[in-house]
Amino acid sequence: MNKIIFCFVFLFFGANVFAAEVTKKYIEFFVEHTTKNVTGVCNEIQMETPNIQVSGNHYTLKSPFEIKIPLLKIVSGDSNRDSHIQEILGYPDSPNILVKIESIKPEKDQAYTIKGKLAIHGKTKDFATDATVKPENPNSIQVDGSLVVTFSEYELENPSLLFMKAKDEIRVKYHFQIQLK
């Protein structure tokens, strides 16, 4: 009898698990320098399909997934600067920045905490980032957030210009549009 009640409650009030398709992917990298601030953009991100559970107005991740950011696809508008940054980030030995999303936890309203592992040039560190998850329509959500990473925590050389080093941080902004199926 308890199993029947549980099944009924789950079917009536339960959460729906959706396969999802990421229809828009955008990551921006910002580095501050005394003489010139630099913004790099990557639109050609490779990622596994996230497995999302929807329960009312909340979204949870049913299983981890990976994101690959190809270093050769990060562009700032200056090919010499781009090749120098690619070298700093480990290219060709490490052709991608790897992100493993392990959990997404709802906070309040549309705020979420995303946790996982970030690998740059062979060094892997835990990370946590705050994100906003907003429904666009019943079958689509937008995920926006940011994260600060330092060159020093990944043992990377700070880029320099005119013998002056950039600030020891990379501000990362991300935007994903996810179509629930």
N, C-alpha and C. Protein backbone atom coordinates (compact mmCIF):
# COMPACT_ATOMS: atom_id res chain seq x y z
N MET A 1 0.82 -1.20 0.00
CA MET A 1 0.00 0.00 0.00
C MET A 1 0.86 1.27 0.00
N ASN A 2 1.94 1.28 0.81
CA ASN A 2 2.82 2.44 0.86
C ASN A 2 3.48 2.69 -0.49
N LYS A 3 3.83 1.61 -1.20
CA LYS A 3 4.45 1.77 -2.52
C LYS A 3 3.48 2.40 -3.50
N ILE A 4 2.22 2.03 -3.44
CA ILE A 4 1.21 2.60 -4.33
C ILE A 4 1.04 4.08 -4.04
N ILE A 5 0.98 4.46 -2.78
CA ILE A 5 0.83 5.88 -2.40
C ILE A 5 2.06 6.66 -2.88
N PHE A 6 3.26 6.10 -2.67
CA PHE A 6 4.47 6.77 -3.11
C PHE A 6 4.45 6.99 -4.62
N CYS A 7 4.09 5.96 -5.37
CA CYS A 7 4.04 6.09 -6.83
C CYS A 7 3.04 7.14 -7.26
N PHE A 8 1.89 7.18 -6.63
CA PHE A 8 0.88 8.17 -6.96
C PHE A 8 1.38 9.57 -6.65
N VAL A 9 1.96 9.75 -5.47
CA VAL A 9 2.48 11.08 -5.09
C VAL A 9 3.58 11.50 -6.06
N PHE A 10 4.49 10.57 -6.38
CA PHE A 10 5.57 10.92 -7.30
C PHE A 10 5.03 11.30 -8.68
N LEU A 11 4.07 10.51 -9.18
CA LEU A 11 3.52 10.81 -10.50
C LEU A 11 2.73 12.11 -10.51
N PHE A 12 2.01 12.37 -9.45
CA PHE A 12 1.17 13.57 -9.43
C PHE A 12 1.97 14.83 -9.12
N PHE A 13 2.83 14.76 -8.10
CA PHE A 13 3.57 15.94 -7.67
C PHE A 13 5.04 15.90 -8.06
N GLY A 14 5.45 14.78 -8.60
CA GLY A 14 6.87 14.52 -8.79
C GLY A 14 7.56 15.43 -9.77
N ALA A 15 8.85 15.26 -9.78
CA ALA A 15 9.69 16.05 -10.65
C ALA A 15 9.83 15.35 -11.99
N ASN A 16 10.01 16.16 -13.00
CA ASN A 16 10.24 15.62 -14.34
C ASN A 16 11.72 15.72 -14.65
N VAL A 17 12.27 14.66 -15.22
CA VAL A 17 13.67 14.65 -15.63
C VAL A 17 13.71 14.87 -17.14
N PHE A 18 14.53 15.83 -17.55
CA PHE A 18 14.59 16.19 -18.96
C PHE A 18 16.00 16.01 -19.50
N ALA A 19 16.09 15.47 -20.69
CA ALA A 19 17.32 15.61 -21.45
C ALA A 19 17.28 17.06 -21.93
N ALA A 20 18.39 17.62 -22.16
CA ALA A 20 18.41 19.03 -22.54
C ALA A 20 19.37 19.24 -23.70
N GLU A 21 19.08 20.26 -24.47
CA GLU A 21 19.97 20.66 -25.56
C GLU A 21 20.41 22.08 -25.28
N VAL A 22 21.71 22.30 -25.29
CA VAL A 22 22.22 23.65 -25.07
C VAL A 22 22.23 24.35 -26.42
N THR A 23 21.38 25.38 -26.56
CA THR A 23 21.22 26.04 -27.85
C THR A 23 22.09 27.29 -28.00
N LYS A 24 22.50 27.90 -26.88
CA LYS A 24 23.43 29.04 -26.92
C LYS A 24 24.49 28.83 -25.86
N LYS A 25 25.76 29.07 -26.24
CA LYS A 25 26.89 28.89 -25.33
C LYS A 25 27.82 30.08 -25.53
N TYR A 26 28.14 30.75 -24.43
CA TYR A 26 28.99 31.93 -24.54
C TYR A 26 29.79 32.08 -23.25
N ILE A 27 31.11 32.20 -23.38
CA ILE A 27 31.96 32.44 -22.22
C ILE A 27 32.88 33.61 -22.56
N GLU A 28 33.00 34.55 -21.61
CA GLU A 28 33.84 35.73 -21.78
C GLU A 28 34.89 35.74 -20.68
N PHE A 29 36.13 36.06 -21.04
CA PHE A 29 37.24 36.14 -20.11
C PHE A 29 37.72 37.59 -20.08
N PHE A 30 37.90 38.15 -18.89
CA PHE A 30 38.33 39.54 -18.77
C PHE A 30 39.57 39.60 -17.88
N VAL A 31 40.64 40.23 -18.39
CA VAL A 31 41.88 40.41 -17.64
C VAL A 31 42.18 41.90 -17.59
N GLU A 32 42.44 42.38 -16.37
CA GLU A 32 42.72 43.81 -16.16
C GLU A 32 44.23 44.05 -16.17
N HIS A 33 44.63 45.06 -16.94
CA HIS A 33 46.05 45.44 -17.03
C HIS A 33 46.14 46.94 -16.89
N THR A 34 47.25 47.42 -16.39
CA THR A 34 47.45 48.86 -16.18
C THR A 34 47.27 49.66 -17.47
N THR A 35 47.76 49.13 -18.58
CA THR A 35 47.70 49.89 -19.83
C THR A 35 46.53 49.50 -20.74
N LYS A 36 46.05 48.27 -20.63
CA LYS A 36 44.97 47.84 -21.52
C LYS A 36 44.24 46.65 -20.92
N ASN A 37 42.94 46.77 -20.77
CA ASN A 37 42.13 45.65 -20.32
C ASN A 37 41.80 44.77 -21.53
N VAL A 38 41.77 43.47 -21.32
CA VAL A 38 41.59 42.53 -22.44
C VAL A 38 40.38 41.64 -22.16
N THR A 39 39.54 41.51 -23.19
CA THR A 39 38.40 40.62 -23.13
C THR A 39 38.55 39.57 -24.23
N GLY A 40 38.46 38.31 -23.83
CA GLY A 40 38.47 37.20 -24.78
C GLY A 40 37.12 36.52 -24.75
N VAL A 41 36.69 35.99 -25.88
CA VAL A 41 35.38 35.37 -25.99
C VAL A 41 35.53 33.99 -26.63
N CYS A 42 34.72 33.05 -26.15
CA CYS A 42 34.65 31.73 -26.78
C CYS A 42 33.18 31.38 -27.00
N ASN A 43 32.81 31.20 -28.26
CA ASN A 43 31.44 30.80 -28.62
C ASN A 43 31.38 29.34 -29.04
N GLU A 44 32.53 28.70 -29.19
CA GLU A 44 32.59 27.33 -29.72
C GLU A 44 32.92 26.34 -28.61
N ILE A 45 32.09 26.32 -27.60
CA ILE A 45 32.27 25.47 -26.44
C ILE A 45 31.69 24.09 -26.74
N GLN A 46 32.37 23.06 -26.28
CA GLN A 46 31.88 21.69 -26.44
C GLN A 46 31.39 21.22 -25.08
N MET A 47 30.20 20.66 -25.04
CA MET A 47 29.70 20.19 -23.75
C MET A 47 28.81 18.98 -23.89
N GLU A 48 28.86 18.17 -22.83
CA GLU A 48 27.97 17.02 -22.75
C GLU A 48 26.57 17.53 -22.47
N THR A 49 25.58 16.72 -22.76
CA THR A 49 24.19 17.10 -22.53
C THR A 49 23.88 17.05 -21.04
N PRO A 50 23.44 18.17 -20.47
CA PRO A 50 23.07 18.13 -19.04
C PRO A 50 21.75 17.37 -18.84
N ASN A 51 21.66 16.66 -17.72
CA ASN A 51 20.46 15.91 -17.35
C ASN A 51 19.80 16.69 -16.21
N ILE A 52 18.74 17.41 -16.52
CA ILE A 52 18.13 18.35 -15.58
C ILE A 52 16.79 17.84 -15.09
N GLN A 53 16.57 18.00 -13.79
CA GLN A 53 15.28 17.65 -13.19
C GLN A 53 14.56 18.94 -12.84
N VAL A 54 13.31 19.03 -13.24
CA VAL A 54 12.48 20.21 -12.98
C VAL A 54 11.43 19.83 -11.96
N SER A 55 11.35 20.61 -10.90
CA SER A 55 10.34 20.40 -9.87
C SER A 55 9.77 21.76 -9.51
N GLY A 56 8.58 22.05 -10.03
CA GLY A 56 8.00 23.38 -9.82
C GLY A 56 8.85 24.42 -10.52
N ASN A 57 9.37 25.38 -9.75
CA ASN A 57 10.23 26.43 -10.30
C ASN A 57 11.70 26.17 -10.03
N HIS A 58 12.06 24.96 -9.59
CA HIS A 58 13.44 24.66 -9.27
C HIS A 58 14.02 23.64 -10.24
N TYR A 59 15.33 23.80 -10.49
CA TYR A 59 16.04 22.92 -11.40
C TYR A 59 17.19 22.28 -10.63
N THR A 60 17.37 20.97 -10.81
CA THR A 60 18.51 20.29 -10.21
C THR A 60 19.18 19.43 -11.27
N LEU A 61 20.43 19.16 -11.03
CA LEU A 61 21.22 18.36 -11.96
C LEU A 61 21.18 16.91 -11.50
N LYS A 62 20.81 16.01 -12.39
CA LYS A 62 20.70 14.59 -12.04
C LYS A 62 22.04 13.87 -12.16
N SER A 63 22.94 14.36 -12.99
CA SER A 63 24.25 13.72 -13.12
C SER A 63 25.26 14.76 -13.60
N PRO A 64 26.53 14.59 -13.22
CA PRO A 64 27.57 15.54 -13.65
C PRO A 64 27.72 15.56 -15.17
N PHE A 65 28.24 16.67 -15.68
CA PHE A 65 28.56 16.74 -17.10
C PHE A 65 29.79 17.62 -17.30
N GLU A 66 30.42 17.49 -18.48
CA GLU A 66 31.68 18.18 -18.74
C GLU A 66 31.54 19.22 -19.84
N ILE A 67 32.30 20.29 -19.67
CA ILE A 67 32.38 21.37 -20.66
C ILE A 67 33.84 21.49 -21.08
N LYS A 68 34.08 21.58 -22.39
CA LYS A 68 35.43 21.79 -22.91
C LYS A 68 35.47 23.14 -23.60
N ILE A 69 36.45 23.95 -23.22
CA ILE A 69 36.66 25.25 -23.84
C ILE A 69 37.96 25.16 -24.63
N PRO A 70 37.87 25.05 -25.96
CA PRO A 70 39.09 24.92 -26.78
C PRO A 70 39.89 26.22 -26.75
N LEU A 71 41.16 26.14 -26.35
CA LEU A 71 42.00 27.33 -26.25
C LEU A 71 42.13 28.06 -27.59
N LEU A 72 42.14 27.31 -28.70
CA LEU A 72 42.28 27.93 -30.01
C LEU A 72 41.03 28.72 -30.43
N LYS A 73 39.93 28.56 -29.70
CA LYS A 73 38.68 29.25 -30.04
C LYS A 73 38.42 30.47 -29.16
N ILE A 74 39.36 30.78 -28.25
CA ILE A 74 39.24 32.00 -27.43
C ILE A 74 39.89 33.13 -28.22
N VAL A 75 39.11 34.14 -28.54
CA VAL A 75 39.62 35.25 -29.35
C VAL A 75 39.41 36.58 -28.64
N SER A 76 40.41 37.45 -28.81
CA SER A 76 40.34 38.78 -28.20
C SER A 76 40.43 39.91 -29.22
N GLY A 77 40.60 39.56 -30.50
CA GLY A 77 40.72 40.58 -31.53
C GLY A 77 42.16 40.86 -31.91
N ASP A 78 43.13 40.22 -31.25
CA ASP A 78 44.55 40.40 -31.56
C ASP A 78 45.18 39.01 -31.59
N SER A 79 45.52 38.52 -32.76
CA SER A 79 46.01 37.14 -32.90
C SER A 79 47.32 36.91 -32.16
N ASN A 80 48.21 37.92 -32.08
CA ASN A 80 49.46 37.76 -31.33
C ASN A 80 49.17 37.58 -29.83
N ARG A 81 48.28 38.40 -29.31
CA ARG A 81 47.90 38.29 -27.90
C ARG A 81 47.23 36.94 -27.65
N ASP A 82 46.35 36.51 -28.57
CA ASP A 82 45.65 35.23 -28.43
C ASP A 82 46.64 34.08 -28.37
N SER A 83 47.64 34.06 -29.23
CA SER A 83 48.61 32.96 -29.21
C SER A 83 49.44 32.99 -27.93
N HIS A 84 49.74 34.18 -27.40
CA HIS A 84 50.47 34.27 -26.12
C HIS A 84 49.62 33.72 -24.97
N ILE A 85 48.35 34.07 -24.95
CA ILE A 85 47.44 33.57 -23.90
C ILE A 85 47.28 32.05 -24.03
N GLN A 86 47.15 31.55 -25.26
CA GLN A 86 47.05 30.10 -25.47
C GLN A 86 48.27 29.39 -24.89
N GLU A 87 49.46 29.97 -25.11
CA GLU A 87 50.69 29.39 -24.58
C GLU A 87 50.68 29.42 -23.05
N ILE A 88 50.27 30.53 -22.45
CA ILE A 88 50.19 30.64 -20.98
C ILE A 88 49.24 29.58 -20.42
N LEU A 89 48.12 29.35 -21.11
CA LEU A 89 47.11 28.41 -20.62
C LEU A 89 47.45 26.95 -20.94
N GLY A 90 48.61 26.71 -21.59
CA GLY A 90 49.09 25.35 -21.75
C GLY A 90 49.01 24.74 -23.12
N TYR A 91 48.61 25.51 -24.13
CA TYR A 91 48.53 24.97 -25.47
C TYR A 91 49.94 24.76 -26.00
N PRO A 92 50.30 23.69 -26.67
CA PRO A 92 49.46 22.62 -27.20
C PRO A 92 49.32 21.41 -26.26
N ASP A 93 50.09 21.36 -25.15
CA ASP A 93 50.00 20.21 -24.24
C ASP A 93 48.60 20.03 -23.67
N SER A 94 47.94 21.12 -23.34
CA SER A 94 46.56 21.09 -22.82
C SER A 94 45.71 21.94 -23.75
N PRO A 95 45.07 21.33 -24.75
CA PRO A 95 44.34 22.10 -25.75
C PRO A 95 43.01 22.68 -25.27
N ASN A 96 42.53 22.24 -24.10
CA ASN A 96 41.22 22.70 -23.61
C ASN A 96 41.30 23.09 -22.13
N ILE A 97 40.44 24.00 -21.76
CA ILE A 97 40.10 24.22 -20.36
C ILE A 97 38.93 23.27 -20.11
N LEU A 98 39.01 22.49 -19.04
CA LEU A 98 37.95 21.51 -18.75
C LEU A 98 37.19 21.93 -17.50
N VAL A 99 35.87 21.86 -17.61
CA VAL A 99 35.00 22.19 -16.49
C VAL A 99 34.08 20.99 -16.28
N LYS A 100 34.05 20.48 -15.06
CA LYS A 100 33.12 19.40 -14.74
C LYS A 100 32.10 19.96 -13.76
N ILE A 101 30.86 20.06 -14.20
CA ILE A 101 29.78 20.54 -13.34
C ILE A 101 29.29 19.33 -12.54
N GLU A 102 29.41 19.42 -11.22
CA GLU A 102 29.05 18.29 -10.36
C GLU A 102 27.73 18.49 -9.64
N SER A 103 27.38 19.74 -9.33
CA SER A 103 26.11 19.97 -8.63
C SER A 103 25.59 21.37 -8.90
N ILE A 104 24.27 21.48 -8.85
CA ILE A 104 23.58 22.77 -8.96
C ILE A 104 22.58 22.80 -7.82
N LYS A 105 22.74 23.77 -6.92
CA LYS A 105 21.90 23.83 -5.74
C LYS A 105 21.09 25.13 -5.75
N PRO A 106 19.76 25.02 -5.65
CA PRO A 106 18.95 26.24 -5.59
C PRO A 106 19.19 26.97 -4.28
N GLU A 107 19.24 28.29 -4.35
CA GLU A 107 19.38 29.12 -3.15
C GLU A 107 18.03 29.78 -2.89
N LYS A 108 17.82 31.01 -3.40
CA LYS A 108 16.51 31.65 -3.27
C LYS A 108 16.17 32.32 -4.59
N ASP A 109 14.89 32.47 -4.84
CA ASP A 109 14.39 33.02 -6.10
C ASP A 109 15.01 32.27 -7.27
N GLN A 110 15.75 32.99 -8.12
CA GLN A 110 16.36 32.38 -9.30
C GLN A 110 17.86 32.17 -9.12
N ALA A 111 18.35 32.29 -7.87
CA ALA A 111 19.78 32.14 -7.58
C ALA A 111 20.12 30.67 -7.30
N TYR A 112 21.27 30.24 -7.83
CA TYR A 112 21.76 28.89 -7.67
C TYR A 112 23.26 28.93 -7.38
N THR A 113 23.76 27.90 -6.74
CA THR A 113 25.19 27.70 -6.58
C THR A 113 25.59 26.49 -7.41
N ILE A 114 26.56 26.70 -8.27
CA ILE A 114 27.07 25.65 -9.13
C ILE A 114 28.46 25.27 -8.61
N LYS A 115 28.69 23.97 -8.43
CA LYS A 115 29.99 23.49 -7.94
C LYS A 115 30.55 22.45 -8.90
N GLY A 116 31.88 22.41 -8.94
CA GLY A 116 32.52 21.43 -9.79
C GLY A 116 34.02 21.52 -9.73
N LYS A 117 34.65 21.06 -10.80
CA LYS A 117 36.11 21.07 -10.90
C LYS A 117 36.50 21.80 -12.18
N LEU A 118 37.56 22.61 -12.07
CA LEU A 118 38.08 23.37 -13.20
C LEU A 118 39.53 22.97 -13.41
N ALA A 119 39.86 22.54 -14.65
CA ALA A 119 41.22 22.11 -14.99
C ALA A 119 41.80 23.03 -16.05
N ILE A 120 42.92 23.67 -15.68
CA ILE A 120 43.65 24.54 -16.60
C ILE A 120 45.11 24.11 -16.57
N HIS A 121 45.66 23.81 -17.73
CA HIS A 121 47.07 23.45 -17.89
C HIS A 121 47.50 22.34 -16.93
N GLY A 122 46.64 21.31 -16.80
CA GLY A 122 46.98 20.16 -15.98
C GLY A 122 46.72 20.30 -14.49
N LYS A 123 46.30 21.46 -14.04
CA LYS A 123 45.98 21.68 -12.63
C LYS A 123 44.46 21.70 -12.48
N THR A 124 43.94 20.89 -11.54
CA THR A 124 42.50 20.81 -11.31
C THR A 124 42.19 21.33 -9.92
N LYS A 125 41.22 22.23 -9.83
CA LYS A 125 40.80 22.83 -8.56
C LYS A 125 39.28 22.79 -8.47
N ASP A 126 38.79 22.69 -7.24
CA ASP A 126 37.35 22.82 -7.00
C ASP A 126 36.95 24.27 -7.21
N PHE A 127 35.71 24.49 -7.63
CA PHE A 127 35.19 25.84 -7.75
C PHE A 127 33.72 25.86 -7.34
N ALA A 128 33.26 27.06 -7.02
CA ALA A 128 31.84 27.31 -6.78
C ALA A 128 31.53 28.66 -7.40
N THR A 129 30.39 28.76 -8.03
CA THR A 129 30.00 30.01 -8.66
C THR A 129 28.51 30.23 -8.43
N ASP A 130 28.14 31.49 -8.31
CA ASP A 130 26.72 31.84 -8.20
C ASP A 130 26.19 32.08 -9.60
N ALA A 131 24.98 31.61 -9.84
CA ALA A 131 24.36 31.76 -11.16
C ALA A 131 22.89 32.11 -11.00
N THR A 132 22.34 32.68 -12.05
CA THR A 132 20.92 32.95 -12.13
C THR A 132 20.35 32.00 -13.18
N VAL A 133 19.30 31.30 -12.81
CA VAL A 133 18.63 30.39 -13.75
C VAL A 133 17.21 30.90 -13.92
N LYS A 134 16.90 31.37 -15.13
CA LYS A 134 15.59 31.95 -15.41
C LYS A 134 14.89 31.19 -16.52
N PRO A 135 13.62 30.89 -16.32
CA PRO A 135 12.87 30.29 -17.42
C PRO A 135 12.59 31.35 -18.49
N GLU A 136 12.82 30.99 -19.75
CA GLU A 136 12.46 31.87 -20.87
C GLU A 136 11.04 31.57 -21.31
N ASN A 137 10.71 30.30 -21.29
CA ASN A 137 9.37 29.80 -21.61
C ASN A 137 9.28 28.44 -20.94
N PRO A 138 8.18 27.72 -21.05
CA PRO A 138 8.07 26.45 -20.33
C PRO A 138 9.14 25.40 -20.69
N ASN A 139 9.76 25.54 -21.84
CA ASN A 139 10.74 24.53 -22.27
C ASN A 139 12.16 25.05 -22.43
N SER A 140 12.44 26.24 -21.91
CA SER A 140 13.76 26.82 -22.11
C SER A 140 14.17 27.63 -20.89
N ILE A 141 15.45 27.49 -20.49
CA ILE A 141 15.99 28.28 -19.39
C ILE A 141 17.28 28.96 -19.82
N GLN A 142 17.59 30.07 -19.15
CA GLN A 142 18.85 30.77 -19.33
C GLN A 142 19.66 30.65 -18.06
N VAL A 143 20.96 30.40 -18.20
CA VAL A 143 21.86 30.31 -17.06
C VAL A 143 22.93 31.38 -17.27
N ASP A 144 23.05 32.31 -16.31
CA ASP A 144 24.05 33.37 -16.36
C ASP A 144 24.80 33.43 -15.05
N GLY A 145 26.10 33.64 -15.13
CA GLY A 145 26.88 33.75 -13.90
C GLY A 145 28.29 34.20 -14.19
N SER A 146 29.08 34.27 -13.12
CA SER A 146 30.48 34.67 -13.26
C SER A 146 31.32 33.99 -12.19
N LEU A 147 32.61 34.02 -12.42
CA LEU A 147 33.57 33.34 -11.57
C LEU A 147 34.90 34.07 -11.69
N VAL A 148 35.66 34.16 -10.60
CA VAL A 148 37.00 34.74 -10.66
C VAL A 148 38.01 33.61 -10.42
N VAL A 149 38.98 33.52 -11.33
CA VAL A 149 40.06 32.54 -11.26
C VAL A 149 41.36 33.33 -11.25
N THR A 150 42.34 32.89 -10.46
CA THR A 150 43.63 33.60 -10.46
C THR A 150 44.68 32.80 -11.24
N PHE A 151 45.58 33.55 -11.85
CA PHE A 151 46.70 32.90 -12.56
C PHE A 151 47.53 32.10 -11.56
N SER A 152 47.75 32.67 -10.37
CA SER A 152 48.64 32.04 -9.39
C SER A 152 48.11 30.70 -8.88
N GLU A 153 46.80 30.56 -8.69
CA GLU A 153 46.28 29.28 -8.17
C GLU A 153 46.48 28.13 -9.15
N TYR A 154 46.64 28.45 -10.44
CA TYR A 154 46.89 27.42 -11.45
C TYR A 154 48.36 27.43 -11.90
N GLU A 155 49.18 28.19 -11.17
CA GLU A 155 50.61 28.29 -11.45
C GLU A 155 50.87 28.72 -12.89
N LEU A 156 50.12 29.72 -13.34
CA LEU A 156 50.26 30.25 -14.70
C LEU A 156 51.01 31.58 -14.65
N GLU A 157 51.72 31.87 -15.71
CA GLU A 157 52.42 33.14 -15.84
C GLU A 157 51.38 34.25 -16.04
N ASN A 158 51.54 35.36 -15.31
CA ASN A 158 50.69 36.52 -15.56
C ASN A 158 51.11 37.15 -16.88
N PRO A 159 50.17 37.42 -17.77
CA PRO A 159 50.55 38.10 -19.02
C PRO A 159 51.11 39.48 -18.70
N SER A 160 52.03 39.95 -19.52
CA SER A 160 52.60 41.28 -19.29
C SER A 160 52.62 42.07 -20.59
N LEU A 161 52.62 43.37 -20.42
CA LEU A 161 52.72 44.30 -21.54
C LEU A 161 53.58 45.45 -21.06
N LEU A 162 54.60 45.80 -21.84
CA LEU A 162 55.52 46.88 -21.47
C LEU A 162 56.11 46.64 -20.08
N PHE A 163 56.50 45.41 -19.80
CA PHE A 163 57.13 44.98 -18.55
C PHE A 163 56.24 45.11 -17.32
N MET A 164 54.95 45.32 -17.53
CA MET A 164 54.01 45.38 -16.41
C MET A 164 53.07 44.19 -16.52
N LYS A 165 52.91 43.50 -15.41
CA LYS A 165 52.07 42.30 -15.37
C LYS A 165 50.59 42.66 -15.21
N ALA A 166 49.74 41.82 -15.75
CA ALA A 166 48.29 41.96 -15.59
C ALA A 166 47.93 41.62 -14.15
N LYS A 167 46.78 42.07 -13.72
CA LYS A 167 46.25 41.73 -12.41
C LYS A 167 46.12 40.21 -12.33
N ASP A 168 46.32 39.64 -11.13
CA ASP A 168 46.34 38.18 -10.96
C ASP A 168 44.94 37.58 -10.90
N GLU A 169 44.08 37.99 -11.82
CA GLU A 169 42.76 37.37 -11.85
C GLU A 169 42.17 37.42 -13.24
N ILE A 170 41.40 36.41 -13.51
CA ILE A 170 40.64 36.32 -14.75
C ILE A 170 39.18 36.28 -14.32
N ARG A 171 38.41 37.25 -14.78
CA ARG A 171 36.97 37.24 -14.50
C ARG A 171 36.29 36.53 -15.67
N VAL A 172 35.53 35.52 -15.33
CA VAL A 172 34.86 34.70 -16.34
C VAL A 172 33.36 34.92 -16.21
N LYS A 173 32.72 35.27 -17.33
CA LYS A 173 31.26 35.36 -17.38
C LYS A 173 30.77 34.29 -18.33
N TYR A 174 29.63 33.71 -18.01
CA TYR A 174 29.09 32.67 -18.89
C TYR A 174 27.60 32.86 -19.07
N HIS A 175 27.14 32.40 -20.24
CA HIS A 175 25.71 32.45 -20.58
C HIS A 175 25.40 31.18 -21.38
N PHE A 176 24.37 30.46 -20.92
CA PHE A 176 23.90 29.28 -21.63
C PHE A 176 22.40 29.36 -21.76
N GLN A 177 21.89 28.99 -22.91
CA GLN A 177 20.46 28.82 -23.09
C GLN A 177 20.23 27.33 -23.29
N ILE A 178 19.34 26.77 -22.47
CA ILE A 178 19.12 25.33 -22.47
C ILE A 178 17.67 25.03 -22.81
N GLN A 179 17.50 24.23 -23.83
CA GLN A 179 16.18 23.79 -24.28
C GLN A 179 15.88 22.46 -23.61
N LEU A 180 14.81 22.39 -22.82
CA LEU A 180 14.43 21.16 -22.16
C LEU A 180 13.59 20.32 -23.12
N LYS A 181 13.87 19.02 -23.16
CA LYS A 181 13.14 18.14 -24.09
C LYS A 181 12.32 17.15 -23.34
